[in-house]
Amino acid sequence: MELLRVISGLRRGLKLNAPQGVHTRPTTDRVKESVFNIIQFSFPAERVLDLFAGSGALGIEALSRGAKHCVFVDADMAAFRLVKENLRLARFEEQATVLNQQAERFLSSCNEGFDVIFLDPPYNQGFLKPILDTIVEKSLLNEDGILVIETELGGEEIPPTPFSVKKSVAYGKTVITILKR
């Protein structure tokens, strides 16, 4: 397994396990570090949501930087197990909820807001619009909350939302867009 690391905070330098195979594409350390440099003033956050969690690296980074609680959601059983293992390595199990379910199903039953939402769906498969629509309809992003979206350069466009674009930056083939409520 390729290794990822926690960039900063309580667990700085901790190596996390990365997924094997091609179904999960972990956010690289370089991109993760850039994201957290952009959103650093949102921490410590009370509640964080890591949708399409994969390895859980983004949510674990948020916990390391002082987030009180993070909900990790991934429909893939291997990713679900990997998140649980990485949380155990980081000793953050008590501050996390890990769910093995479809993102849309989780959002449709969710009734709580989040300060930070990480949205890193499989590229170009039509997940962005319905998920963003649900986040808006159910007011799942708290006042002053931020939404971090990872997409592929030249791929699926982020549909219009009532949120404002704080920043959009390309890192190789990865585009990170930060939306603010």
C-alpha atoms as a PDB file:
ATOM      1  CA  MET A   1       0.000   0.000   0.000  1.00  0.00           C
ATOM      2  CA  GLU A   2       1.110   3.531  -0.792  1.00  0.00           C
ATOM      3  CA  LEU A   3       1.376   5.688   2.320  1.00  0.00           C
ATOM      4  CA  LEU A   4      -0.267   9.034   2.991  1.00  0.00           C
ATOM      5  CA  ARG A   5       0.610  11.259   5.906  1.00  0.00           C
ATOM      6  CA  VAL A   6      -1.068  13.697   8.256  1.00  0.00           C
ATOM      7  CA  ILE A   7       0.375  17.116   7.369  1.00  0.00           C
ATOM      8  CA  SER A   8      -0.191  19.131  10.549  1.00  0.00           C
ATOM      9  CA  GLY A   9      -1.751  19.244  13.990  1.00  0.00           C
ATOM     10  CA  LEU A  10      -1.977  16.618  16.734  1.00  0.00           C
ATOM     11  CA  ARG A  11      -0.986  13.681  14.507  1.00  0.00           C
ATOM     12  CA  ARG A  12       1.498  15.526  12.273  1.00  0.00           C
ATOM     13  CA  GLY A  13       3.703  13.106  10.345  1.00  0.00           C
ATOM     14  CA  LEU A  14       1.540  10.045  11.051  1.00  0.00           C
ATOM     15  CA  LYS A  15       1.501   7.690   8.091  1.00  0.00           C
ATOM     16  CA  LEU A  16      -1.933   6.513   6.936  1.00  0.00           C
ATOM     17  CA  ASN A  17      -2.714   3.576   4.707  1.00  0.00           C
ATOM     18  CA  ALA A  18      -3.784   4.371   1.151  1.00  0.00           C
ATOM     19  CA  PRO A  19      -6.278   2.292  -0.828  1.00  0.00           C
ATOM     20  CA  GLN A  20      -5.118  -0.364  -3.231  1.00  0.00           C
ATOM     21  CA  GLY A  21      -6.436  -0.647  -6.765  1.00  0.00           C
ATOM     22  CA  VAL A  22      -8.000   1.911  -9.052  1.00  0.00           C
ATOM     23  CA  HIS A  23     -11.444   2.398  -7.490  1.00  0.00           C
ATOM     24  CA  THR A  24     -10.313   4.955  -4.917  1.00  0.00           C
ATOM     25  CA  ARG A  25      -8.103   7.899  -5.813  1.00  0.00           C
ATOM     26  CA  PRO A  26      -6.581   9.420  -2.665  1.00  0.00           C
ATOM     27  CA  THR A  27      -5.967  13.150  -2.469  1.00  0.00           C
ATOM     28  CA  THR A  28      -2.204  13.583  -2.699  1.00  0.00           C
ATOM     29  CA  ASP A  29      -0.301  15.105   0.206  1.00  0.00           C
ATOM     30  CA  ARG A  30       0.598  18.133  -1.943  1.00  0.00           C
ATOM     31  CA  VAL A  31      -3.038  18.829  -2.796  1.00  0.00           C
ATOM     32  CA  LYS A  32      -4.189  18.146   0.780  1.00  0.00           C
ATOM     33  CA  GLU A  33      -1.579  20.555   2.156  1.00  0.00           C
ATOM     34  CA  SER A  34      -2.689  23.247  -0.322  1.00  0.00           C
ATOM     35  CA  VAL A  35      -6.366  22.724   0.596  1.00  0.00           C
ATOM     36  CA  PHE A  36      -5.673  23.099   4.298  1.00  0.00           C
ATOM     37  CA  ASN A  37      -3.536  26.192   3.696  1.00  0.00           C
ATOM     38  CA  ILE A  38      -6.561  27.758   1.982  1.00  0.00           C
ATOM     39  CA  ILE A  39      -9.125  26.715   4.624  1.00  0.00           C
ATOM     40  CA  GLN A  40      -6.920  26.944   7.734  1.00  0.00           C
ATOM     41  CA  PHE A  41      -9.000  29.732   9.292  1.00  0.00           C
ATOM     42  CA  SER A  42     -12.028  27.422   9.386  1.00  0.00           C
ATOM     43  CA  PHE A  43     -10.321  25.366  12.098  1.00  0.00           C
ATOM     44  CA  PRO A  44     -10.960  24.245  14.669  1.00  0.00           C
ATOM     45  CA  ALA A  45     -14.366  23.275  13.265  1.00  0.00           C
ATOM     46  CA  GLU A  46     -17.136  21.634  15.272  1.00  0.00           C
ATOM     47  CA  ARG A  47     -18.505  19.242  12.631  1.00  0.00           C
ATOM     48  CA  VAL A  48     -16.870  18.002   9.443  1.00  0.00           C
ATOM     49  CA  LEU A  49     -18.259  15.729   6.714  1.00  0.00           C
ATOM     50  CA  ASP A  50     -15.949  13.670   4.497  1.00  0.00           C
ATOM     51  CA  LEU A  51     -18.174  12.403   1.641  1.00  0.00           C
ATOM     52  CA  PHE A  52     -16.679   9.703  -0.605  1.00  0.00           C
ATOM     53  CA  ALA A  53     -14.091   9.391   2.176  1.00  0.00           C
ATOM     54  CA  GLY A  54     -11.771   6.887   0.469  1.00  0.00           C
ATOM     55  CA  SER A  55      -8.839   6.595   2.882  1.00  0.00           C
ATOM     56  CA  GLY A  56     -10.317   9.178   5.269  1.00  0.00           C
ATOM     57  CA  ALA A  57      -7.195  11.333   4.900  1.00  0.00           C
ATOM     58  CA  LEU A  58      -9.077  14.648   4.544  1.00  0.00           C
ATOM     59  CA  GLY A  59     -11.302  14.068   7.574  1.00  0.00           C
ATOM     60  CA  ILE A  60      -8.395  12.763   9.646  1.00  0.00           C
ATOM     61  CA  GLU A  61      -6.378  15.857   8.714  1.00  0.00           C
ATOM     62  CA  ALA A  62      -9.335  17.972   9.906  1.00  0.00           C
ATOM     63  CA  LEU A  63      -9.443  16.062  13.212  1.00  0.00           C
ATOM     64  CA  SER A  64      -5.687  16.468  13.626  1.00  0.00           C
ATOM     65  CA  ARG A  65      -6.165  20.228  13.189  1.00  0.00           C
ATOM     66  CA  GLY A  66      -8.758  20.410  15.948  1.00  0.00           C
ATOM     67  CA  ALA A  67     -12.117  19.476  14.427  1.00  0.00           C
ATOM     68  CA  LYS A  68     -14.380  18.141  17.183  1.00  0.00           C
ATOM     69  CA  HIS A  69     -16.140  15.444  15.124  1.00  0.00           C
ATOM     70  CA  CYS A  70     -16.025  14.092  11.575  1.00  0.00           C
ATOM     71  CA  VAL A  71     -18.532  11.933   9.735  1.00  0.00           C
ATOM     72  CA  PHE A  72     -16.931   9.719   7.076  1.00  0.00           C
ATOM     73  CA  VAL A  73     -19.192   8.300   4.346  1.00  0.00           C
ATOM     74  CA  ASP A  74     -18.165   5.826   1.641  1.00  0.00           C
ATOM     75  CA  ALA A  75     -20.222   3.195  -0.181  1.00  0.00           C
ATOM     76  CA  ASP A  76     -17.197   1.007  -0.946  1.00  0.00           C
ATOM     77  CA  MET A  77     -16.655  -1.662   1.738  1.00  0.00           C
ATOM     78  CA  ALA A  78     -12.857  -1.647   1.276  1.00  0.00           C
ATOM     79  CA  ALA A  79     -12.789   2.153   1.723  1.00  0.00           C
ATOM     80  CA  PHE A  80     -15.051   1.868   4.799  1.00  0.00           C
ATOM     81  CA  ARG A  81     -12.623  -0.618   6.379  1.00  0.00           C
ATOM     82  CA  LEU A  82      -9.634   1.529   5.417  1.00  0.00           C
ATOM     83  CA  VAL A  83     -11.143   4.628   7.067  1.00  0.00           C
ATOM     84  CA  LYS A  84     -11.763   2.644  10.254  1.00  0.00           C
ATOM     85  CA  GLU A  85      -8.169   1.348  10.222  1.00  0.00           C
ATOM     86  CA  ASN A  86      -6.732   4.833   9.630  1.00  0.00           C
ATOM     87  CA  LEU A  87      -8.865   6.277  12.430  1.00  0.00           C
ATOM     88  CA  ARG A  88      -7.526   3.546  14.733  1.00  0.00           C
ATOM     89  CA  LEU A  89      -3.937   4.396  13.708  1.00  0.00           C
ATOM     90  CA  ALA A  90      -4.613   8.088  14.365  1.00  0.00           C
ATOM     91  CA  ARG A  91      -6.471   7.337  17.628  1.00  0.00           C
ATOM     92  CA  PHE A  92      -9.491   9.390  16.515  1.00  0.00           C
ATOM     93  CA  GLU A  93     -12.193   6.676  16.724  1.00  0.00           C
ATOM     94  CA  GLU A  94     -14.055   8.537  19.489  1.00  0.00           C
ATOM     95  CA  GLN A  95     -14.323  11.693  17.370  1.00  0.00           C
ATOM     96  CA  ALA A  96     -15.600   9.947  14.255  1.00  0.00           C
ATOM     97  CA  THR A  97     -18.660   8.316  12.780  1.00  0.00           C
ATOM     98  CA  VAL A  98     -17.921   6.003   9.842  1.00  0.00           C
ATOM     99  CA  LEU A  99     -20.780   4.962   7.564  1.00  0.00           C
ATOM    100  CA  ASN A 100     -20.763   2.425   4.751  1.00  0.00           C
ATOM    101  CA  GLN A 101     -23.483   3.871   2.539  1.00  0.00           C
ATOM    102  CA  GLN A 102     -24.163   5.852  -0.614  1.00  0.00           C
ATOM    103  CA  ALA A 103     -23.519   9.587  -0.218  1.00  0.00           C
ATOM    104  CA  GLU A 104     -26.971  10.451  -1.567  1.00  0.00           C
ATOM    105  CA  ARG A 105     -28.665   8.118   0.922  1.00  0.00           C
ATOM    106  CA  PHE A 106     -26.720   9.598   3.820  1.00  0.00           C
ATOM    107  CA  LEU A 107     -27.533  13.178   2.789  1.00  0.00           C
ATOM    108  CA  SER A 108     -31.226  12.448   2.273  1.00  0.00           C
ATOM    109  CA  SER A 109     -31.522  11.227   5.880  1.00  0.00           C
ATOM    110  CA  CYS A 110     -29.124  13.785   7.402  1.00  0.00           C
ATOM    111  CA  ASN A 111     -30.636  16.486   9.607  1.00  0.00           C
ATOM    112  CA  GLU A 112     -27.524  18.168  10.982  1.00  0.00           C
ATOM    113  CA  GLY A 113     -25.297  20.867   9.587  1.00  0.00           C
ATOM    114  CA  PHE A 114     -21.558  20.857   9.010  1.00  0.00           C
ATOM    115  CA  ASP A 115     -18.897  23.546   9.213  1.00  0.00           C
ATOM    116  CA  VAL A 116     -16.719  21.895   6.564  1.00  0.00           C
ATOM    117  CA  ILE A 117     -17.806  19.431   3.873  1.00  0.00           C
ATOM    118  CA  PHE A 118     -15.227  17.584   1.776  1.00  0.00           C
ATOM    119  CA  LEU A 119     -16.746  16.352  -1.484  1.00  0.00           C
ATOM    120  CA  ASP A 120     -14.423  14.151  -3.542  1.00  0.00           C
ATOM    121  CA  PRO A 121     -16.675  11.928  -5.678  1.00  0.00           C
ATOM    122  CA  PRO A 122     -15.511   9.618  -8.467  1.00  0.00           C
ATOM    123  CA  TYR A 123     -14.688  11.872 -11.389  1.00  0.00           C
ATOM    124  CA  ASN A 124     -17.229  12.597 -14.133  1.00  0.00           C
ATOM    125  CA  GLN A 125     -20.002  10.274 -12.966  1.00  0.00           C
ATOM    126  CA  GLY A 126     -22.728  12.851 -12.361  1.00  0.00           C
ATOM    127  CA  PHE A 127     -22.571  12.929  -8.551  1.00  0.00           C
ATOM    128  CA  LEU A 128     -21.948  16.664  -8.126  1.00  0.00           C
ATOM    129  CA  LYS A 129     -25.311  18.173  -9.079  1.00  0.00           C
ATOM    130  CA  PRO A 130     -27.613  15.904  -7.029  1.00  0.00           C
ATOM    131  CA  ILE A 131     -25.318  16.053  -4.007  1.00  0.00           C
ATOM    132  CA  LEU A 132     -24.930  19.829  -4.131  1.00  0.00           C
ATOM    133  CA  ASP A 133     -28.694  20.202  -4.656  1.00  0.00           C
ATOM    134  CA  THR A 134     -29.345  18.133  -1.511  1.00  0.00           C
ATOM    135  CA  ILE A 135     -26.766  20.065   0.536  1.00  0.00           C
ATOM    136  CA  VAL A 136     -28.488  23.320  -0.481  1.00  0.00           C
ATOM    137  CA  GLU A 137     -32.094  22.048  -0.074  1.00  0.00           C
ATOM    138  CA  LYS A 138     -31.448  20.613   3.387  1.00  0.00           C
ATOM    139  CA  SER A 139     -29.171  23.487   4.526  1.00  0.00           C
ATOM    140  CA  LEU A 140     -26.442  21.014   5.481  1.00  0.00           C
ATOM    141  CA  LEU A 141     -23.672  23.624   5.281  1.00  0.00           C
ATOM    142  CA  ASN A 142     -23.679  25.769   8.425  1.00  0.00           C
ATOM    143  CA  GLU A 143     -23.497  29.558   8.483  1.00  0.00           C
ATOM    144  CA  ASP A 144     -19.887  30.498   7.568  1.00  0.00           C
ATOM    145  CA  GLY A 145     -19.374  26.886   6.440  1.00  0.00           C
ATOM    146  CA  ILE A 146     -17.108  25.871   3.572  1.00  0.00           C
ATOM    147  CA  LEU A 147     -17.415  23.191   0.939  1.00  0.00           C
ATOM    148  CA  VAL A 148     -14.236  21.720  -0.566  1.00  0.00           C
ATOM    149  CA  ILE A 149     -14.845  20.029  -3.927  1.00  0.00           C
ATOM    150  CA  GLU A 150     -12.298  17.959  -5.829  1.00  0.00           C
ATOM    151  CA  THR A 151     -12.859  17.489  -9.560  1.00  0.00           C
ATOM    152  CA  GLU A 152     -10.828  16.582 -12.619  1.00  0.00           C
ATOM    153  CA  LEU A 153      -9.357  19.306 -14.835  1.00  0.00           C
ATOM    154  CA  GLY A 154     -11.547  19.499 -17.941  1.00  0.00           C
ATOM    155  CA  GLY A 155     -14.086  17.150 -16.371  1.00  0.00           C
ATOM    156  CA  GLU A 156     -17.489  17.575 -14.787  1.00  0.00           C
ATOM    157  CA  GLU A 157     -18.361  21.212 -14.097  1.00  0.00           C
ATOM    158  CA  ILE A 158     -19.534  22.336 -10.686  1.00  0.00           C
ATOM    159  CA  PRO A 159     -23.170  23.367 -11.154  1.00  0.00           C
ATOM    160  CA  PRO A 160     -24.365  26.780  -9.946  1.00  0.00           C
ATOM    161  CA  THR A 161     -25.185  26.993  -6.227  1.00  0.00           C
ATOM    162  CA  PRO A 162     -26.127  29.842  -3.889  1.00  0.00           C
ATOM    163  CA  PHE A 163     -22.618  29.524  -2.400  1.00  0.00           C
ATOM    164  CA  SER A 164     -19.812  31.796  -3.527  1.00  0.00           C
ATOM    165  CA  VAL A 165     -16.563  30.496  -4.978  1.00  0.00           C
ATOM    166  CA  LYS A 166     -13.782  31.477  -2.572  1.00  0.00           C
ATOM    167  CA  LYS A 167     -11.017  29.912  -4.642  1.00  0.00           C
ATOM    168  CA  SER A 168     -10.499  27.415  -7.466  1.00  0.00           C
ATOM    169  CA  VAL A 169      -7.021  26.050  -8.123  1.00  0.00           C
ATOM    170  CA  ALA A 170      -5.671  23.336 -10.429  1.00  0.00           C
ATOM    171  CA  TYR A 171      -2.928  20.990  -9.241  1.00  0.00           C
ATOM    172  CA  GLY A 172      -1.981  18.910 -12.258  1.00  0.00           C
ATOM    173  CA  LYS A 173      -5.181  17.078 -13.289  1.00  0.00           C
ATOM    174  CA  THR A 174      -6.919  17.859  -9.978  1.00  0.00           C
ATOM    175  CA  VAL A 175      -9.033  20.977  -9.425  1.00  0.00           C
ATOM    176  CA  ILE A 176      -9.907  22.087  -5.913  1.00  0.00           C
ATOM    177  CA  THR A 177     -12.823  24.501  -5.590  1.00  0.00           C
ATOM    178  CA  ILE A 178     -13.665  26.098  -2.246  1.00  0.00           C
ATOM    179  CA  LEU A 179     -17.254  27.320  -1.880  1.00  0.00           C
ATOM    180  CA  LYS A 180     -18.347  29.469   1.044  1.00  0.00           C
ATOM    181  CA  ARG A 181     -21.832  29.916   2.362  1.00  0.00           C
END
